[in-house]
Amino acid sequence: GYQIDSAPNRGYLLIDRPDRLYAGELAGDRTCIGRQILCLETVDSTN
């Protein structure tokens, strides 16, 4: 569902994002929490 434009000699450009949980959207320069991220479609309980 991500809208990504592309053109020769220009490359790829992220235009729009759906309401999804992807690790690539959540990355950041953090000290501890969130240095590793696991995104699941379904789980019994995240805890």
PDB file of all heavy atoms in Angstrom:
ATOM      1  N   GLY A   1       0.775  -1.227   0.000  1.00  0.00           N
ATOM      2  CA  GLY A   1       0.000   0.000   0.000  1.00  0.00           C
ATOM      3  C   GLY A   1       0.811   1.284   0.000  1.00  0.00           C
ATOM      4  O   GLY A   1       0.232   2.379   0.012  1.00  0.00           O
ATOM      5  N   TYR A   2       2.140   1.185  -0.018  1.00  0.00           N
ATOM      6  CA  TYR A   2       2.978   2.389  -0.047  1.00  0.00           C
ATOM      7  C   TYR A   2       3.028   2.924  -1.483  1.00  0.00           C
ATOM      8  O   TYR A   2       3.249   2.165  -2.432  1.00  0.00           O
ATOM      9  CB  TYR A   2       4.388   2.086   0.448  1.00  0.00           C
ATOM     10  CG  TYR A   2       4.448   1.878   1.943  1.00  0.00           C
ATOM     11  CD1 TYR A   2       4.215   0.618   2.498  1.00  0.00           C
ATOM     12  CD2 TYR A   2       4.711   2.938   2.791  1.00  0.00           C
ATOM     13  CE1 TYR A   2       4.239   0.434   3.868  1.00  0.00           C
ATOM     14  CE2 TYR A   2       4.747   2.757   4.163  1.00  0.00           C
ATOM     15  CZ  TYR A   2       4.507   1.504   4.696  1.00  0.00           C
ATOM     16  OH  TYR A   2       4.526   1.328   6.056  1.00  0.00           O
ATOM     17  N   GLN A   3       2.836   4.219  -1.631  1.00  0.00           N
ATOM     18  CA  GLN A   3       2.887   4.853  -2.940  1.00  0.00           C
ATOM     19  C   GLN A   3       4.297   5.380  -3.163  1.00  0.00           C
ATOM     20  O   GLN A   3       4.745   6.311  -2.487  1.00  0.00           O
ATOM     21  CB  GLN A   3       1.867   5.991  -3.028  1.00  0.00           C
ATOM     22  CG  GLN A   3       1.780   6.623  -4.413  1.00  0.00           C
ATOM     23  CD  GLN A   3       0.750   7.729  -4.480  1.00  0.00           C
ATOM     24  OE1 GLN A   3      -0.086   7.864  -3.597  1.00  0.00           O
ATOM     25  NE2 GLN A   3       0.823   8.546  -5.529  1.00  0.00           N
ATOM     26  N   ILE A   4       4.989   4.762  -4.105  1.00  0.00           N
ATOM     27  CA  ILE A   4       6.385   5.105  -4.379  1.00  0.00           C
ATOM     28  C   ILE A   4       6.514   5.460  -5.855  1.00  0.00           C
ATOM     29  O   ILE A   4       6.236   4.645  -6.732  1.00  0.00           O
ATOM     30  CB  ILE A   4       7.326   3.926  -4.029  1.00  0.00           C
ATOM     31  CG1 ILE A   4       7.165   3.552  -2.548  1.00  0.00           C
ATOM     32  CG2 ILE A   4       8.772   4.280  -4.342  1.00  0.00           C
ATOM     33  CD1 ILE A   4       7.923   2.298  -2.145  1.00  0.00           C
ATOM     34  N   ASP A   5       6.913   6.691  -6.109  1.00  0.00           N
ATOM     35  CA  ASP A   5       7.095   7.163  -7.481  1.00  0.00           C
ATOM     36  C   ASP A   5       8.501   6.794  -7.943  1.00  0.00           C
ATOM     37  O   ASP A   5       9.435   6.669  -7.139  1.00  0.00           O
ATOM     38  CB  ASP A   5       6.894   8.680  -7.520  1.00  0.00           C
ATOM     39  CG  ASP A   5       6.747   9.205  -8.934  1.00  0.00           C
ATOM     40  OD1 ASP A   5       6.546   8.380  -9.850  1.00  0.00           O
ATOM     41  OD2 ASP A   5       6.836  10.433  -9.118  1.00  0.00           O
ATOM     42  N   SER A   6       8.638   6.616  -9.267  1.00  0.00           N
ATOM     43  CA  SER A   6       9.961   6.308  -9.814  1.00  0.00           C
ATOM     44  C   SER A   6      10.080   6.934 -11.191  1.00  0.00           C
ATOM     45  O   SER A   6       9.094   7.052 -11.930  1.00  0.00           O
ATOM     46  CB  SER A   6      10.175   4.796  -9.907  1.00  0.00           C
ATOM     47  OG  SER A   6       9.213   4.194 -10.762  1.00  0.00           O
ATOM     48  N   ALA A   7      11.289   7.342 -11.513  1.00  0.00           N
ATOM     49  CA  ALA A   7      11.545   7.939 -12.819  1.00  0.00           C
ATOM     50  C   ALA A   7      13.006   7.705 -13.182  1.00  0.00           C
ATOM     51  O   ALA A   7      13.882   7.706 -12.298  1.00  0.00           O
ATOM     52  CB  ALA A   7      11.245   9.439 -12.800  1.00  0.00           C
ATOM     53  N   PRO A   8      13.294   7.472 -14.493  1.00  0.00           N
ATOM     54  CA  PRO A   8      14.684   7.256 -14.913  1.00  0.00           C
ATOM     55  C   PRO A   8      15.572   8.430 -14.510  1.00  0.00           C
ATOM     56  O   PRO A   8      15.172   9.593 -14.586  1.00  0.00           O
ATOM     57  CB  PRO A   8      14.561   7.142 -16.442  1.00  0.00           C
ATOM     58  CG  PRO A   8      13.137   6.727 -16.685  1.00  0.00           C
ATOM     59  CD  PRO A   8      12.338   7.392 -15.603  1.00  0.00           C
ATOM     60  N   ASN A   9      16.750   8.100 -14.049  1.00  0.00           N
ATOM     61  CA  ASN A   9      17.774   9.076 -13.666  1.00  0.00           C
ATOM     62  C   ASN A   9      17.407   9.906 -12.433  1.00  0.00           C
ATOM     63  O   ASN A   9      18.112  10.848 -12.090  1.00  0.00           O
ATOM     64  CB  ASN A   9      18.086  10.029 -14.834  1.00  0.00           C
ATOM     65  CG  ASN A   9      18.552   9.292 -16.071  1.00  0.00           C
ATOM     66  OD1 ASN A   9      19.330   8.339 -15.969  1.00  0.00           O
ATOM     67  ND2 ASN A   9      18.075   9.716 -17.234  1.00  0.00           N
ATOM     68  N   ARG A  10      16.258   9.570 -11.789  1.00  0.00           N
ATOM     69  CA  ARG A  10      15.872  10.292 -10.582  1.00  0.00           C
ATOM     70  C   ARG A  10      15.806   9.369  -9.372  1.00  0.00           C
ATOM     71  O   ARG A  10      16.116   9.762  -8.263  1.00  0.00           O
ATOM     72  CB  ARG A  10      14.506  10.979 -10.781  1.00  0.00           C
ATOM     73  CG  ARG A  10      14.536  12.122 -11.774  1.00  0.00           C
ATOM     74  CD  ARG A  10      13.179  12.785 -11.930  1.00  0.00           C
ATOM     75  NE  ARG A  10      12.690  13.302 -10.663  1.00  0.00           N
ATOM     76  CZ  ARG A  10      11.580  12.882 -10.061  1.00  0.00           C
ATOM     77  NH1 ARG A  10      10.858  11.920 -10.592  1.00  0.00           N
ATOM     78  NH2 ARG A  10      11.206  13.432  -8.920  1.00  0.00           N
ATOM     79  N   GLY A  11      15.338   8.177  -9.599  1.00  0.00           N
ATOM     80  CA  GLY A  11      15.252   7.222  -8.508  1.00  0.00           C
ATOM     81  C   GLY A  11      13.843   7.090  -7.965  1.00  0.00           C
ATOM     82  O   GLY A  11      12.853   7.422  -8.630  1.00  0.00           O
ATOM     83  N   TYR A  12      13.747   6.665  -6.728  1.00  0.00           N
ATOM     84  CA  TYR A  12      12.461   6.379  -6.092  1.00  0.00           C
ATOM     85  C   TYR A  12      12.149   7.452  -5.047  1.00  0.00           C
ATOM     86  O   TYR A  12      13.028   7.913  -4.328  1.00  0.00           O
ATOM     87  CB  TYR A  12      12.502   5.012  -5.409  1.00  0.00           C
ATOM     88  CG  TYR A  12      12.790   3.867  -6.346  1.00  0.00           C
ATOM     89  CD1 TYR A  12      14.073   3.333  -6.441  1.00  0.00           C
ATOM     90  CD2 TYR A  12      11.789   3.319  -7.140  1.00  0.00           C
ATOM     91  CE1 TYR A  12      14.353   2.278  -7.298  1.00  0.00           C
ATOM     92  CE2 TYR A  12      12.050   2.258  -8.006  1.00  0.00           C
ATOM     93  CZ  TYR A  12      13.340   1.745  -8.084  1.00  0.00           C
ATOM     94  OH  TYR A  12      13.604   0.706  -8.935  1.00  0.00           O
ATOM     95  N   LEU A  13      10.861   7.796  -4.983  1.00  0.00           N
ATOM     96  CA  LEU A  13      10.427   8.812  -4.022  1.00  0.00           C
ATOM     97  C   LEU A  13       9.174   8.311  -3.310  1.00  0.00           C
ATOM     98  O   LEU A  13       8.188   7.924  -3.952  1.00  0.00           O
ATOM     99  CB  LEU A  13      10.120  10.132  -4.736  1.00  0.00           C
ATOM    100  CG  LEU A  13       9.580  11.271  -3.864  1.00  0.00           C
ATOM    101  CD1 LEU A  13      10.639  11.700  -2.846  1.00  0.00           C
ATOM    102  CD2 LEU A  13       9.137  12.449  -4.718  1.00  0.00           C
ATOM    103  N   LEU A  14       9.204   8.334  -1.992  1.00  0.00           N
ATOM    104  CA  LEU A  14       8.057   7.924  -1.185  1.00  0.00           C
ATOM    105  C   LEU A  14       7.012   9.034  -1.204  1.00  0.00           C
ATOM    106  O   LEU A  14       7.257  10.141  -0.743  1.00  0.00           O
ATOM    107  CB  LEU A  14       8.495   7.627   0.247  1.00  0.00           C
ATOM    108  CG  LEU A  14       7.418   7.149   1.227  1.00  0.00           C
ATOM    109  CD1 LEU A  14       6.806   5.836   0.776  1.00  0.00           C
ATOM    110  CD2 LEU A  14       8.015   6.998   2.631  1.00  0.00           C
ATOM    111  N   ILE A  15       5.824   8.731  -1.757  1.00  0.00           N
ATOM    112  CA  ILE A  15       4.769   9.730  -1.924  1.00  0.00           C
ATOM    113  C   ILE A  15       3.753   9.664  -0.787  1.00  0.00           C
ATOM    114  O   ILE A  15       3.343  10.673  -0.219  1.00  0.00           O
ATOM    115  CB  ILE A  15       4.054   9.549  -3.281  1.00  0.00           C
ATOM    116  CG1 ILE A  15       5.051   9.658  -4.425  1.00  0.00           C
ATOM    117  CG2 ILE A  15       2.926  10.578  -3.430  1.00  0.00           C
ATOM    118  CD1 ILE A  15       5.718  11.000  -4.540  1.00  0.00           C
ATOM    119  N   ASP A  16       3.308   8.458  -0.455  1.00  0.00           N
ATOM    120  CA  ASP A  16       2.252   8.311   0.557  1.00  0.00           C
ATOM    121  C   ASP A  16       2.438   6.988   1.289  1.00  0.00           C
ATOM    122  O   ASP A  16       2.981   6.027   0.720  1.00  0.00           O
ATOM    123  CB  ASP A  16       0.871   8.370  -0.097  1.00  0.00           C
ATOM    124  CG  ASP A  16      -0.241   8.588   0.919  1.00  0.00           C
ATOM    125  OD1 ASP A  16       0.068   9.043   2.037  1.00  0.00           O
ATOM    126  OD2 ASP A  16      -1.399   8.291   0.605  1.00  0.00           O
ATOM    127  N   ARG A  17       1.976   6.958   2.548  1.00  0.00           N
ATOM    128  CA  ARG A  17       2.141   5.767   3.386  1.00  0.00           C
ATOM    129  C   ARG A  17       0.798   5.322   3.947  1.00  0.00           C
ATOM    130  O   ARG A  17       0.024   6.162   4.420  1.00  0.00           O
ATOM    131  CB  ARG A  17       3.099   6.062   4.544  1.00  0.00           C
ATOM    132  CG  ARG A  17       4.504   6.448   4.115  1.00  0.00           C
ATOM    133  CD  ARG A  17       5.329   6.916   5.298  1.00  0.00           C
ATOM    134  NE  ARG A  17       4.903   8.235   5.758  1.00  0.00           N
ATOM    135  CZ  ARG A  17       5.178   8.735   6.960  1.00  0.00           C
ATOM    136  NH1 ARG A  17       5.867   8.012   7.833  1.00  0.00           N
ATOM    137  NH2 ARG A  17       4.769   9.929   7.299  1.00  0.00           N
ATOM    138  N   PRO A  18       0.532   4.031   3.930  1.00  0.00           N
ATOM    139  CA  PRO A  18      -0.698   3.525   4.539  1.00  0.00           C
ATOM    140  C   PRO A  18      -0.550   3.454   6.051  1.00  0.00           C
ATOM    141  O   PRO A  18       0.535   3.697   6.603  1.00  0.00           O
ATOM    142  CB  PRO A  18      -0.832   2.115   3.932  1.00  0.00           C
ATOM    143  CG  PRO A  18       0.596   1.681   3.746  1.00  0.00           C
ATOM    144  CD  PRO A  18       1.340   2.939   3.359  1.00  0.00           C
ATOM    145  N   ASP A  19      -1.630   3.131   6.721  1.00  0.00           N
ATOM    146  CA  ASP A  19      -1.600   2.993   8.185  1.00  0.00           C
ATOM    147  C   ASP A  19      -1.164   1.584   8.542  1.00  0.00           C
ATOM    148  O   ASP A  19      -1.965   0.734   8.918  1.00  0.00           O
ATOM    149  CB  ASP A  19      -2.978   3.305   8.768  1.00  0.00           C
ATOM    150  CG  ASP A  19      -2.960   3.327  10.295  1.00  0.00           C
ATOM    151  OD1 ASP A  19      -1.851   3.471  10.865  1.00  0.00           O
ATOM    152  OD2 ASP A  19      -4.028   3.196  10.910  1.00  0.00           O
ATOM    153  N   ARG A  20       0.115   1.337   8.396  1.00  0.00           N
ATOM    154  CA  ARG A  20       0.684   0.018   8.693  1.00  0.00           C
ATOM    155  C   ARG A  20       1.874   0.178   9.628  1.00  0.00           C
ATOM    156  O   ARG A  20       2.499   1.246   9.686  1.00  0.00           O
ATOM    157  CB  ARG A  20       1.134  -0.699   7.424  1.00  0.00           C
ATOM    158  CG  ARG A  20       0.005  -1.065   6.468  1.00  0.00           C
ATOM    159  CD  ARG A  20       0.559  -1.763   5.237  1.00  0.00           C
ATOM    160  NE  ARG A  20       1.207  -3.018   5.570  1.00  0.00           N
ATOM    161  CZ  ARG A  20       0.590  -4.198   5.581  1.00  0.00           C
ATOM    162  NH1 ARG A  20      -0.695  -4.262   5.298  1.00  0.00           N
ATOM    163  NH2 ARG A  20       1.246  -5.307   5.872  1.00  0.00           N
ATOM    164  N   LEU A  21       2.190  -0.891  10.324  1.00  0.00           N
ATOM    165  CA  LEU A  21       3.340  -0.892  11.225  1.00  0.00           C
ATOM    166  C   LEU A  21       4.494  -1.648  10.564  1.00  0.00           C
ATOM    167  O   LEU A  21       4.464  -2.881  10.461  1.00  0.00           O
ATOM    168  CB  LEU A  21       2.970  -1.543  12.563  1.00  0.00           C
ATOM    169  CG  LEU A  21       1.898  -0.809  13.372  1.00  0.00           C
ATOM    170  CD1 LEU A  21       1.489  -1.641  14.583  1.00  0.00           C
ATOM    171  CD2 LEU A  21       2.390   0.558  13.811  1.00  0.00           C
ATOM    172  N   TYR A  22       5.464  -0.896  10.075  1.00  0.00           N
ATOM    173  CA  TYR A  22       6.661  -1.454   9.465  1.00  0.00           C
ATOM    174  C   TYR A  22       7.873  -0.990  10.258  1.00  0.00           C
ATOM    175  O   TYR A  22       7.974   0.180  10.633  1.00  0.00           O
ATOM    176  CB  TYR A  22       6.813  -0.990   8.015  1.00  0.00           C
ATOM    177  CG  TYR A  22       6.407  -2.004   6.970  1.00  0.00           C
ATOM    178  CD1 TYR A  22       5.189  -1.902   6.323  1.00  0.00           C
ATOM    179  CD2 TYR A  22       7.253  -3.057   6.621  1.00  0.00           C
ATOM    180  CE1 TYR A  22       4.805  -2.817   5.358  1.00  0.00           C
ATOM    181  CE2 TYR A  22       6.892  -3.982   5.660  1.00  0.00           C
ATOM    182  CZ  TYR A  22       5.665  -3.856   5.030  1.00  0.00           C
ATOM    183  OH  TYR A  22       5.298  -4.770   4.080  1.00  0.00           O
ATOM    184  N   ALA A  23       8.810  -1.912  10.473  1.00  0.00           N
ATOM    185  CA  ALA A  23      10.005  -1.555  11.240  1.00  0.00           C
ATOM    186  C   ALA A  23      10.751  -0.390  10.599  1.00  0.00           C
ATOM    187  O   ALA A  23      11.336   0.447  11.286  1.00  0.00           O
ATOM    188  CB  ALA A  23      10.924  -2.767  11.374  1.00  0.00           C
ATOM    189  N   GLY A  24      10.718  -0.317   9.265  1.00  0.00           N
ATOM    190  CA  GLY A  24      11.419   0.756   8.568  1.00  0.00           C
ATOM    191  C   GLY A  24      10.878   2.133   8.886  1.00  0.00           C
ATOM    192  O   GLY A  24      11.591   3.128   8.761  1.00  0.00           O
ATOM    193  N   GLU A  25       9.618   2.229   9.303  1.00  0.00           N
ATOM    194  CA  GLU A  25       9.034   3.525   9.675  1.00  0.00           C
ATOM    195  C   GLU A  25       9.380   3.911  11.099  1.00  0.00           C
ATOM    196  O   GLU A  25       9.215   5.067  11.481  1.00  0.00           O
ATOM    197  CB  GLU A  25       7.512   3.464   9.529  1.00  0.00           C
ATOM    198  CG  GLU A  25       7.032   3.414   8.096  1.00  0.00           C
ATOM    199  CD  GLU A  25       5.773   4.218   7.907  1.00  0.00           C
ATOM    200  OE1 GLU A  25       5.761   5.387   8.313  1.00  0.00           O
ATOM    201  OE2 GLU A  25       4.810   3.667   7.351  1.00  0.00           O
ATOM    202  N   LEU A  26       9.817   2.945  11.896  1.00  0.00           N
ATOM    203  CA  LEU A  26       9.972   3.174  13.326  1.00  0.00           C
ATOM    204  C   LEU A  26      11.421   3.288  13.766  1.00  0.00           C
ATOM    205  O   LEU A  26      11.695   3.457  14.954  1.00  0.00           O
ATOM    206  CB  LEU A  26       9.294   2.030  14.098  1.00  0.00           C
ATOM    207  CG  LEU A  26       7.839   1.742  13.717  1.00  0.00           C
ATOM    208  CD1 LEU A  26       7.294   0.592  14.548  1.00  0.00           C
ATOM    209  CD2 LEU A  26       6.974   2.977  13.892  1.00  0.00           C
ATOM    210  N   ALA A  27      12.345   3.192  12.820  1.00  0.00           N
ATOM    211  CA  ALA A  27      13.763   3.257  13.176  1.00  0.00           C
ATOM    212  C   ALA A  27      14.115   4.643  13.690  1.00  0.00           C
ATOM    213  O   ALA A  27      13.499   5.645  13.333  1.00  0.00           O
ATOM    214  CB  ALA A  27      14.618   2.906  11.965  1.00  0.00           C
ATOM    215  N   GLY A  28      15.109   4.698  14.562  1.00  0.00           N
ATOM    216  CA  GLY A  28      15.551   5.973  15.108  1.00  0.00           C
ATOM    217  C   GLY A  28      16.858   5.810  15.851  1.00  0.00           C
ATOM    218  O   GLY A  28      17.291   4.694  16.155  1.00  0.00           O
ATOM    219  N   ASP A  29      17.494   6.920  16.142  1.00  0.00           N
ATOM    220  CA  ASP A  29      18.759   6.928  16.873  1.00  0.00           C
ATOM    221  C   ASP A  29      18.449   6.918  18.363  1.00  0.00           C
ATOM    222  O   ASP A  29      18.326   7.978  18.989  1.00  0.00           O
ATOM    223  CB  ASP A  29      19.581   8.154  16.482  1.00  0.00           C
ATOM    224  CG  ASP A  29      20.953   8.154  17.135  1.00  0.00           C
ATOM    225  OD1 ASP A  29      21.367   7.082  17.618  1.00  0.00           O
ATOM    226  OD2 ASP A  29      21.592   9.219  17.173  1.00  0.00           O
ATOM    227  N   ARG A  30      18.312   5.720  18.950  1.00  0.00           N
ATOM    228  CA  ARG A  30      17.898   5.585  20.339  1.00  0.00           C
ATOM    229  C   ARG A  30      18.995   4.920  21.170  1.00  0.00           C
ATOM    230  O   ARG A  30      19.829   4.184  20.661  1.00  0.00           O
ATOM    231  CB  ARG A  30      16.613   4.766  20.431  1.00  0.00           C
ATOM    232  CG  ARG A  30      15.477   5.335  19.578  1.00  0.00           C
ATOM    233  CD  ARG A  30      14.167   4.619  19.816  1.00  0.00           C
ATOM    234  NE  ARG A  30      13.146   5.126  18.919  1.00  0.00           N
ATOM    235  CZ  ARG A  30      12.787   4.540  17.778  1.00  0.00           C
ATOM    236  NH1 ARG A  30      13.362   3.389  17.429  1.00  0.00           N
ATOM    237  NH2 ARG A  30      11.882   5.083  17.003  1.00  0.00           N
ATOM    238  N   THR A  31      18.927   5.167  22.472  1.00  0.00           N
ATOM    239  CA  THR A  31      19.912   4.607  23.388  1.00  0.00           C
ATOM    240  C   THR A  31      19.676   3.127  23.639  1.00  0.00           C
ATOM    241  O   THR A  31      20.598   2.326  23.685  1.00  0.00           O
ATOM    242  CB  THR A  31      19.884   5.367  24.726  1.00  0.00           C
ATOM    243  OG1 THR A  31      20.117   6.756  24.485  1.00  0.00           O
ATOM    244  CG2 THR A  31      20.939   4.821  25.680  1.00  0.00           C
ATOM    245  N   CYS A  32      18.411   2.733  23.807  1.00  0.00           N
ATOM    246  CA  CYS A  32      18.110   1.341  24.148  1.00  0.00           C
ATOM    247  C   CYS A  32      16.806   0.867  23.521  1.00  0.00           C
ATOM    248  O   CYS A  32      16.805   0.025  22.636  1.00  0.00           O
ATOM    249  CB  CYS A  32      18.054   1.179  25.669  1.00  0.00           C
ATOM    250  SG  CYS A  32      17.662  -0.500  26.214  1.00  0.00           S
ATOM    251  N   ILE A  33      15.702   1.421  23.961  1.00  0.00           N
ATOM    252  CA  ILE A  33      14.395   0.915  23.535  1.00  0.00           C
ATOM    253  C   ILE A  33      14.152   1.229  22.064  1.00  0.00           C
ATOM    254  O   ILE A  33      14.260   2.377  21.630  1.00  0.00           O
ATOM    255  CB  ILE A  33      13.273   1.518  24.398  1.00  0.00           C
ATOM    256  CG1 ILE A  33      13.371   0.972  25.829  1.00  0.00           C
ATOM    257  CG2 ILE A  33      11.898   1.217  23.817  1.00  0.00           C
ATOM    258  CD1 ILE A  33      12.313   1.502  26.768  1.00  0.00           C
ATOM    259  N   GLY A  34      13.831   0.184  21.304  1.00  0.00           N
ATOM    260  CA  GLY A  34      13.557   0.351  19.887  1.00  0.00           C
ATOM    261  C   GLY A  34      14.762   0.248  18.988  1.00  0.00           C
ATOM    262  O   GLY A  34      14.662   0.507  17.785  1.00  0.00           O
ATOM    263  N   ARG A  35      15.908  -0.156  19.533  1.00  0.00           N
ATOM    264  CA  ARG A  35      17.048  -0.397  18.656  1.00  0.00           C
ATOM    265  C   ARG A  35      16.778  -1.608  17.772  1.00  0.00           C
ATOM    266  O   ARG A  35      17.240  -1.681  16.639  1.00  0.00           O
ATOM    267  CB  ARG A  35      18.321  -0.609  19.481  1.00  0.00           C
ATOM    268  CG  ARG A  35      18.857   0.659  20.128  1.00  0.00           C
ATOM    269  CD  ARG A  35      20.155   0.408  20.864  1.00  0.00           C
ATOM    270  NE  ARG A  35      20.010  -0.590  21.907  1.00  0.00           N
ATOM    271  CZ  ARG A  35      20.990  -0.955  22.726  1.00  0.00           C
ATOM    272  NH1 ARG A  35      22.184  -0.403  22.608  1.00  0.00           N
ATOM    273  NH2 ARG A  35      20.789  -1.856  23.670  1.00  0.00           N
ATOM    274  N   GLN A  36      16.018  -2.566  18.321  1.00  0.00           N
ATOM    275  CA  GLN A  36      15.523  -3.706  17.551  1.00  0.00           C
ATOM    276  C   GLN A  36      14.000  -3.682  17.604  1.00  0.00           C
ATOM    277  O   GLN A  36      13.420  -3.474  18.674  1.00  0.00           O
ATOM    278  CB  GLN A  36      16.047  -5.030  18.113  1.00  0.00           C
ATOM    279  CG  GLN A  36      17.544  -5.233  17.936  1.00  0.00           C
ATOM    280  CD  GLN A  36      17.976  -6.600  18.454  1.00  0.00           C
ATOM    281  OE1 GLN A  36      17.918  -6.869  19.645  1.00  0.00           O
ATOM    282  NE2 GLN A  36      18.395  -7.451  17.536  1.00  0.00           N
ATOM    283  N   ILE A  37      13.374  -3.903  16.456  1.00  0.00           N
ATOM    284  CA  ILE A  37      11.923  -3.805  16.358  1.00  0.00           C
ATOM    285  C   ILE A  37      11.375  -5.031  15.647  1.00  0.00           C
ATOM    286  O   ILE A  37      11.884  -5.433  14.593  1.00  0.00           O
ATOM    287  CB  ILE A  37      11.505  -2.530  15.605  1.00  0.00           C
ATOM    288  CG1 ILE A  37      12.018  -1.278  16.330  1.00  0.00           C
ATOM    289  CG2 ILE A  37       9.993  -2.465  15.449  1.00  0.00           C
ATOM    290  CD1 ILE A  37      11.851   0.003  15.544  1.00  0.00           C
ATOM    291  N   LEU A  38      10.338  -5.610  16.215  1.00  0.00           N
ATOM    292  CA  LEU A  38       9.657  -6.758  15.627  1.00  0.00           C
ATOM    293  C   LEU A  38       8.202  -6.376  15.406  1.00  0.00           C
ATOM    294  O   LEU A  38       7.480  -6.108  16.363  1.00  0.00           O
ATOM    295  CB  LEU A  38       9.757  -7.974  16.562  1.00  0.00           C
ATOM    296  CG  LEU A  38       9.018  -9.242  16.134  1.00  0.00           C
ATOM    297  CD1 LEU A  38       9.579  -9.761  14.806  1.00  0.00           C
ATOM    298  CD2 LEU A  38       9.135 -10.316  17.219  1.00  0.00           C
ATOM    299  N   CYS A  39       7.782  -6.334  14.136  1.00  0.00           N
ATOM    300  CA  CYS A  39       6.401  -6.001  13.794  1.00  0.00           C
ATOM    301  C   CYS A  39       5.691  -7.255  13.306  1.00  0.00           C
ATOM    302  O   CYS A  39       6.167  -7.918  12.377  1.00  0.00           O
ATOM    303  CB  CYS A  39       6.363  -4.923  12.716  1.00  0.00           C
ATOM    304  SG  CYS A  39       6.968  -3.304  13.249  1.00  0.00           S
ATOM    305  N   LEU A  40       4.566  -7.571  13.926  1.00  0.00           N
ATOM    306  CA  LEU A  40       3.827  -8.788  13.628  1.00  0.00           C
ATOM    307  C   LEU A  40       2.427  -8.445  13.148  1.00  0.00           C
ATOM    308  O   LEU A  40       1.828  -7.465  13.600  1.00  0.00           O
ATOM    309  CB  LEU A  40       3.744  -9.672  14.875  1.00  0.00           C
ATOM    310  CG  LEU A  40       5.078 -10.041  15.532  1.00  0.00           C
ATOM    311  CD1 LEU A  40       4.828 -10.715  16.878  1.00  0.00           C
ATOM    312  CD2 LEU A  40       5.890 -10.941  14.618  1.00  0.00           C
ATOM    313  N   GLU A  41       1.891  -9.263  12.249  1.00  0.00           N
ATOM    314  CA  GLU A  41       0.508  -9.081  11.822  1.00  0.00           C
ATOM    315  C   GLU A  41      -0.441  -9.473  12.950  1.00  0.00           C
ATOM    316  O   GLU A  41      -1.363  -8.732  13.277  1.00  0.00           O
ATOM    317  CB  GLU A  41       0.231  -9.924  10.567  1.00  0.00           C
ATOM    318  CG  GLU A  41       0.875  -9.395   9.299  1.00  0.00           C
ATOM    319  CD  GLU A  41       0.258  -8.083   8.840  1.00  0.00           C
ATOM    320  OE1 GLU A  41      -0.947  -7.876   9.072  1.00  0.00           O
ATOM    321  OE2 GLU A  41       0.991  -7.267   8.255  1.00  0.00           O
ATOM    322  N   THR A  42      -0.223 -10.669  13.512  1.00  0.00           N
ATOM    323  CA  THR A  42      -1.087 -11.194  14.563  1.00  0.00           C
ATOM    324  C   THR A  42      -0.238 -11.888  15.620  1.00  0.00           C
ATOM    325  O   THR A  42       0.736 -12.566  15.300  1.00  0.00           O
ATOM    326  CB  THR A  42      -2.111 -12.201  13.996  1.00  0.00           C
ATOM    327  OG1 THR A  42      -2.896 -11.566  12.996  1.00  0.00           O
ATOM    328  CG2 THR A  42      -3.039 -12.711  15.094  1.00  0.00           C
ATOM    329  N   VAL A  43      -0.620 -11.708  16.873  1.00  0.00           N
ATOM    330  CA  VAL A  43       0.061 -12.390  17.972  1.00  0.00           C
ATOM    331  C   VAL A  43      -0.956 -12.599  19.083  1.00  0.00           C
ATOM    332  O   VAL A  43      -1.972 -11.898  19.137  1.00  0.00           O
ATOM    333  CB  VAL A  43       1.264 -11.542  18.478  1.00  0.00           C
ATOM    334  CG1 VAL A  43       0.791 -10.303  19.228  1.00  0.00           C
ATOM    335  CG2 VAL A  43       2.210 -12.370  19.332  1.00  0.00           C
ATOM    336  N   ASP A  44      -0.708 -13.591  19.930  1.00  0.00           N
ATOM    337  CA  ASP A  44      -1.630 -13.768  21.044  1.00  0.00           C
ATOM    338  C   ASP A  44      -1.602 -12.543  21.950  1.00  0.00           C
ATOM    339  O   ASP A  44      -2.625 -11.963  22.303  1.00  0.00           O
ATOM    340  CB  ASP A  44      -1.318 -15.051  21.819  1.00  0.00           C
ATOM    341  CG  ASP A  44       0.135 -15.158  22.257  1.00  0.00           C
ATOM    342  OD1 ASP A  44       0.975 -14.342  21.824  1.00  0.00           O
ATOM    343  OD2 ASP A  44       0.446 -16.089  23.032  1.00  0.00           O
ATOM    344  N   SER A  45      -0.403 -12.117  22.319  1.00  0.00           N
ATOM    345  CA  SER A  45      -0.202 -10.944  23.161  1.00  0.00           C
ATOM    346  C   SER A  45       1.222 -10.467  22.960  1.00  0.00           C
ATOM    347  O   SER A  45       2.161 -11.284  22.960  1.00  0.00           O
ATOM    348  CB  SER A  45      -0.452 -11.296  24.635  1.00  0.00           C
ATOM    349  OG  SER A  45       0.158 -10.363  25.503  1.00  0.00           O
ATOM    350  N   THR A  46       1.410  -9.178  22.774  1.00  0.00           N
ATOM    351  CA  THR A  46       2.774  -8.673  22.621  1.00  0.00           C
ATOM    352  C   THR A  46       3.579  -8.897  23.900  1.00  0.00           C
ATOM    353  O   THR A  46       4.792  -9.127  23.840  1.00  0.00           O
ATOM    354  CB  THR A  46       2.777  -7.182  22.249  1.00  0.00           C
ATOM    355  OG1 THR A  46       2.039  -6.433  23.227  1.00  0.00           O
ATOM    356  CG2 THR A  46       2.171  -6.955  20.873  1.00  0.00           C
ATOM    357  N   ASN A  47       2.919  -8.864  25.066  1.00  0.00           N
ATOM    358  CA  ASN A  47       3.635  -9.159  26.308  1.00  0.00           C
ATOM    359  C   ASN A  47       4.070 -10.616  26.357  1.00  0.00           C
ATOM    360  O   ASN A  47       5.192 -10.932  26.780  1.00  0.00           O
ATOM    361  CB  ASN A  47       2.759  -8.832  27.521  1.00  0.00           C
ATOM    362  CG  ASN A  47       3.118  -7.500  28.156  1.00  0.00           C
ATOM    363  OD1 ASN A  47       3.478  -6.561  27.459  1.00  0.00           O
ATOM    364  ND2 ASN A  47       3.014  -7.411  29.469  1.00  0.00           N
TER     365      ASN A  47
END
